[in-house]
């Protein structure tokens, strides 16, 4: 539905890949929600 591979979806879910804005909008559109509801930004802290 968003024209990306299953492997890419898994990488996004695991936080190993950040999608482009175009893909992020497509994913949010598929679920009928805002991007903010699908994705959240968490700053990485190096310990």
PDB file of N, CA and C in Angstrom:
ATOM      1  N   UNK A   1       0.811  -1.205   0.000  1.00  0.00           N
ATOM      2  CA  UNK A   1       0.000   0.000   0.000  1.00  0.00           C
ATOM      3  C   UNK A   1       0.854   1.269   0.000  1.00  0.00           C
ATOM      4  N   UNK A   2       2.078   1.169   0.510  1.00  0.00           N
ATOM      5  CA  UNK A   2       2.948   2.342   0.517  1.00  0.00           C
ATOM      6  C   UNK A   2       4.173   2.141  -0.375  1.00  0.00           C
ATOM      7  N   UNK A   3       4.203   1.037  -1.095  1.00  0.00           N
ATOM      8  CA  UNK A   3       5.264   0.751  -2.071  1.00  0.00           C
ATOM      9  C   UNK A   3       6.654   0.678  -1.462  1.00  0.00           C
ATOM     10  N   UNK A   4       6.753   0.034  -0.289  1.00  0.00           N
ATOM     11  CA  UNK A   4       8.058  -0.265   0.291  1.00  0.00           C
ATOM     12  C   UNK A   4       8.064  -1.727   0.707  1.00  0.00           C
ATOM     13  N   UNK A   5       9.248  -2.289   0.879  1.00  0.00           N
ATOM     14  CA  UNK A   5       9.365  -3.708   1.173  1.00  0.00           C
ATOM     15  C   UNK A   5       8.976  -4.039   2.609  1.00  0.00           C
ATOM     16  N   UNK A   6       8.681  -5.287   2.815  1.00  0.00           N
ATOM     17  CA  UNK A   6       8.370  -5.770   4.165  1.00  0.00           C
ATOM     18  C   UNK A   6       9.561  -5.568   5.097  1.00  0.00           C
ATOM     19  N   UNK A   7      10.764  -5.760   4.561  1.00  0.00           N
ATOM     20  CA  UNK A   7      11.979  -5.571   5.363  1.00  0.00           C
ATOM     21  C   UNK A   7      12.099  -4.122   5.834  1.00  0.00           C
ATOM     22  N   UNK A   8      11.708  -3.181   4.983  1.00  0.00           N
ATOM     23  CA  UNK A   8      11.754  -1.776   5.369  1.00  0.00           C
ATOM     24  C   UNK A   8      10.752  -1.483   6.471  1.00  0.00           C
ATOM     25  N   UNK A   9       9.564  -2.054   6.378  1.00  0.00           N
ATOM     26  CA  UNK A   9       8.549  -1.881   7.428  1.00  0.00           C
ATOM     27  C   UNK A   9       9.074  -2.410   8.757  1.00  0.00           C
ATOM     28  N   UNK A  10       9.692  -3.582   8.734  1.00  0.00           N
ATOM     29  CA  UNK A  10      10.243  -4.174   9.961  1.00  0.00           C
ATOM     30  C   UNK A  10      11.339  -3.272  10.535  1.00  0.00           C
ATOM     31  N   UNK A  11      12.206  -2.747   9.681  1.00  0.00           N
ATOM     32  CA  UNK A  11      13.277  -1.858  10.141  1.00  0.00           C
ATOM     33  C   UNK A  11      12.705  -0.589  10.770  1.00  0.00           C
ATOM     34  N   UNK A  12      11.634  -0.049  10.188  1.00  0.00           N
ATOM     35  CA  UNK A  12      10.985   1.132  10.760  1.00  0.00           C
ATOM     36  C   UNK A  12      10.402   0.789  12.128  1.00  0.00           C
ATOM     37  N   UNK A  13       9.723  -0.352  12.226  1.00  0.00           N
ATOM     38  CA  UNK A  13       9.116  -0.769  13.493  1.00  0.00           C
ATOM     39  C   UNK A  13      10.150  -0.970  14.582  1.00  0.00           C
ATOM     40  N   UNK A  14      11.327  -1.460  14.214  1.00  0.00           N
ATOM     41  CA  UNK A  14      12.383  -1.711  15.200  1.00  0.00           C
ATOM     42  C   UNK A  14      13.225  -0.477  15.491  1.00  0.00           C
ATOM     43  N   UNK A  15      12.940   0.626  14.802  1.00  0.00           N
ATOM     44  CA  UNK A  15      13.686   1.854  15.029  1.00  0.00           C
ATOM     45  C   UNK A  15      15.049   1.872  14.388  1.00  0.00           C
ATOM     46  N   UNK A  16      15.294   0.975  13.433  1.00  0.00           N
ATOM     47  CA  UNK A  16      16.591   0.911  12.768  1.00  0.00           C
ATOM     48  C   UNK A  16      16.638   1.745  11.500  1.00  0.00           C
ATOM     49  N   UNK A  17      15.487   2.277  11.097  1.00  0.00           N
ATOM     50  CA  UNK A  17      15.397   3.048   9.858  1.00  0.00           C
ATOM     51  C   UNK A  17      14.346   4.135  10.034  1.00  0.00           C
ATOM     52  N   UNK A  18      14.678   5.332   9.602  1.00  0.00           N
ATOM     53  CA  UNK A  18      13.713   6.432   9.627  1.00  0.00           C
ATOM     54  C   UNK A  18      13.249   6.674   8.197  1.00  0.00           C
ATOM     55  N   UNK A  19      11.960   6.578   7.958  1.00  0.00           N
ATOM     56  CA  UNK A  19      11.457   6.738   6.595  1.00  0.00           C
ATOM     57  C   UNK A  19      11.521   8.190   6.129  1.00  0.00           C
ATOM     58  N   UNK A  20      11.499   8.366   4.822  1.00  0.00           N
ATOM     59  CA  UNK A  20      11.409   9.709   4.255  1.00  0.00           C
ATOM     60  C   UNK A  20      10.053  10.300   4.628  1.00  0.00           C
ATOM     61  N   UNK A  21       9.925  11.595   4.487  1.00  0.00           N
ATOM     62  CA  UNK A  21       8.643  12.235   4.783  1.00  0.00           C
ATOM     63  C   UNK A  21       7.544  11.695   3.881  1.00  0.00           C
ATOM     64  N   UNK A  22       7.867  11.443   2.626  1.00  0.00           N
ATOM     65  CA  UNK A  22       6.873  10.908   1.692  1.00  0.00           C
ATOM     66  C   UNK A  22       6.330   9.572   2.184  1.00  0.00           C
ATOM     67  N   UNK A  23       7.221   8.686   2.596  1.00  0.00           N
ATOM     68  CA  UNK A  23       6.797   7.372   3.096  1.00  0.00           C
ATOM     69  C   UNK A  23       6.034   7.518   4.403  1.00  0.00           C
ATOM     70  N   UNK A  24       6.494   8.395   5.278  1.00  0.00           N
ATOM     71  CA  UNK A  24       5.813   8.615   6.556  1.00  0.00           C
ATOM     72  C   UNK A  24       4.378   9.093   6.334  1.00  0.00           C
ATOM     73  N   UNK A  25       4.197  10.024   5.401  1.00  0.00           N
ATOM     74  CA  UNK A  25       2.848  10.498   5.091  1.00  0.00           C
ATOM     75  C   UNK A  25       1.984   9.375   4.522  1.00  0.00           C
ATOM     76  N   UNK A  26       2.557   8.539   3.670  1.00  0.00           N
ATOM     77  CA  UNK A  26       1.805   7.419   3.090  1.00  0.00           C
ATOM     78  C   UNK A  26       1.361   6.434   4.175  1.00  0.00           C
ATOM     79  N   UNK A  27       2.254   6.121   5.106  1.00  0.00           N
ATOM     80  CA  UNK A  27       1.918   5.185   6.187  1.00  0.00           C
ATOM     81  C   UNK A  27       0.795   5.766   7.041  1.00  0.00           C
ATOM     82  N   UNK A  28       0.916   7.033   7.417  1.00  0.00           N
ATOM     83  CA  UNK A  28      -0.125   7.678   8.220  1.00  0.00           C
ATOM     84  C   UNK A  28      -1.450   7.698   7.473  1.00  0.00           C
ATOM     85  N   UNK A  29      -1.398   7.945   6.168  1.00  0.00           N
ATOM     86  CA  UNK A  29      -2.612   7.992   5.356  1.00  0.00           C
ATOM     87  C   UNK A  29      -3.299   6.623   5.309  1.00  0.00           C
ATOM     88  N   UNK A  30      -2.509   5.560   5.182  1.00  0.00           N
ATOM     89  CA  UNK A  30      -3.077   4.205   5.144  1.00  0.00           C
ATOM     90  C   UNK A  30      -3.880   3.921   6.407  1.00  0.00           C
ATOM     91  N   UNK A  31      -3.377   4.381   7.553  1.00  0.00           N
ATOM     92  CA  UNK A  31      -4.054   4.141   8.826  1.00  0.00           C
ATOM     93  C   UNK A  31      -5.062   5.237   9.178  1.00  0.00           C
ATOM     94  N   UNK A  32      -5.111   6.293   8.370  1.00  0.00           N
ATOM     95  CA  UNK A  32      -6.074   7.367   8.612  1.00  0.00           C
ATOM     96  C   UNK A  32      -5.782   8.177   9.855  1.00  0.00           C
ATOM     97  N   UNK A  33      -4.490   8.354  10.153  1.00  0.00           N
ATOM     98  CA  UNK A  33      -4.088   9.114  11.341  1.00  0.00           C
ATOM     99  C   UNK A  33      -3.024  10.133  10.947  1.00  0.00           C
ATOM    100  N   UNK A  34      -2.652  10.983  11.886  1.00  0.00           N
ATOM    101  CA  UNK A  34      -1.596  11.961  11.623  1.00  0.00           C
ATOM    102  C   UNK A  34      -0.230  11.294  11.772  1.00  0.00           C
ATOM    103  N   UNK A  35       0.768  11.916  11.193  1.00  0.00           N
ATOM    104  CA  UNK A  35       2.141  11.395  11.322  1.00  0.00           C
ATOM    105  C   UNK A  35       2.552  11.356  12.789  1.00  0.00           C
ATOM    106  N   UNK A  36       2.134  12.341  13.564  1.00  0.00           N
ATOM    107  CA  UNK A  36       2.487  12.390  14.985  1.00  0.00           C
ATOM    108  C   UNK A  36       1.960  11.175  15.746  1.00  0.00           C
ATOM    109  N   UNK A  37       0.841  10.620  15.293  1.00  0.00           N
ATOM    110  CA  UNK A  37       0.297   9.438  15.957  1.00  0.00           C
ATOM    111  C   UNK A  37       1.063   8.166  15.594  1.00  0.00           C
ATOM    112  N   UNK A  38       1.714   8.175  14.447  1.00  0.00           N
ATOM    113  CA  UNK A  38       2.445   6.992  13.985  1.00  0.00           C
ATOM    114  C   UNK A  38       3.906   7.046  14.406  1.00  0.00           C
ATOM    115  N   UNK A  39       4.497   8.233  14.295  1.00  0.00           N
ATOM    116  CA  UNK A  39       5.924   8.386  14.570  1.00  0.00           C
ATOM    117  C   UNK A  39       6.147   9.386  15.683  1.00  0.00           C
ATOM    118  N   UNK A  40       7.127   9.099  16.515  1.00  0.00           N
ATOM    119  CA  UNK A  40       7.525  10.059  17.537  1.00  0.00           C
ATOM    120  C   UNK A  40       9.040  10.175  17.502  1.00  0.00           C
ATOM    121  N   UNK A  41       9.528  11.353  17.821  1.00  0.00           N
ATOM    122  CA  UNK A  41      10.956  11.591  17.826  1.00  0.00           C
ATOM    123  C   UNK A  41      11.484  11.457  19.246  1.00  0.00           C
ATOM    124  N   UNK A  42      12.498  10.624  19.396  1.00  0.00           N
ATOM    125  CA  UNK A  42      13.151  10.481  20.692  1.00  0.00           C
ATOM    126  C   UNK A  42      14.641  10.708  20.479  1.00  0.00           C
ATOM    127  N   UNK A  43      15.164  11.724  21.151  1.00  0.00           N
ATOM    128  CA  UNK A  43      16.577  12.040  20.994  1.00  0.00           C
ATOM    129  C   UNK A  43      17.432  10.928  21.588  1.00  0.00           C
ATOM    130  N   UNK A  44      18.436  10.508  20.834  1.00  0.00           N
ATOM    131  CA  UNK A  44      19.346   9.470  21.289  1.00  0.00           C
ATOM    132  C   UNK A  44      20.374  10.091  22.219  1.00  0.00           C
ATOM    133  N   UNK A  45      20.563   9.507  23.376  1.00  0.00           N
ATOM    134  CA  UNK A  45      21.551   9.991  24.342  1.00  0.00           C
ATOM    135  C   UNK A  45      22.682   8.986  24.388  1.00  0.00           C
ATOM    136  N   UNK A  46      23.902   9.465  24.141  1.00  0.00           N
ATOM    137  CA  UNK A  46      25.079   8.585  24.186  1.00  0.00           C
ATOM    138  C   UNK A  46      25.598   8.529  25.605  1.00  0.00           C
ATOM    139  N   UNK A  47      25.645   7.329  26.147  1.00  0.00           N
ATOM    140  CA  UNK A  47      26.156   7.166  27.529  1.00  0.00           C
ATOM    141  C   UNK A  47      27.563   6.693  27.524  1.00  0.00           C
TER     142      UNK A  47
END
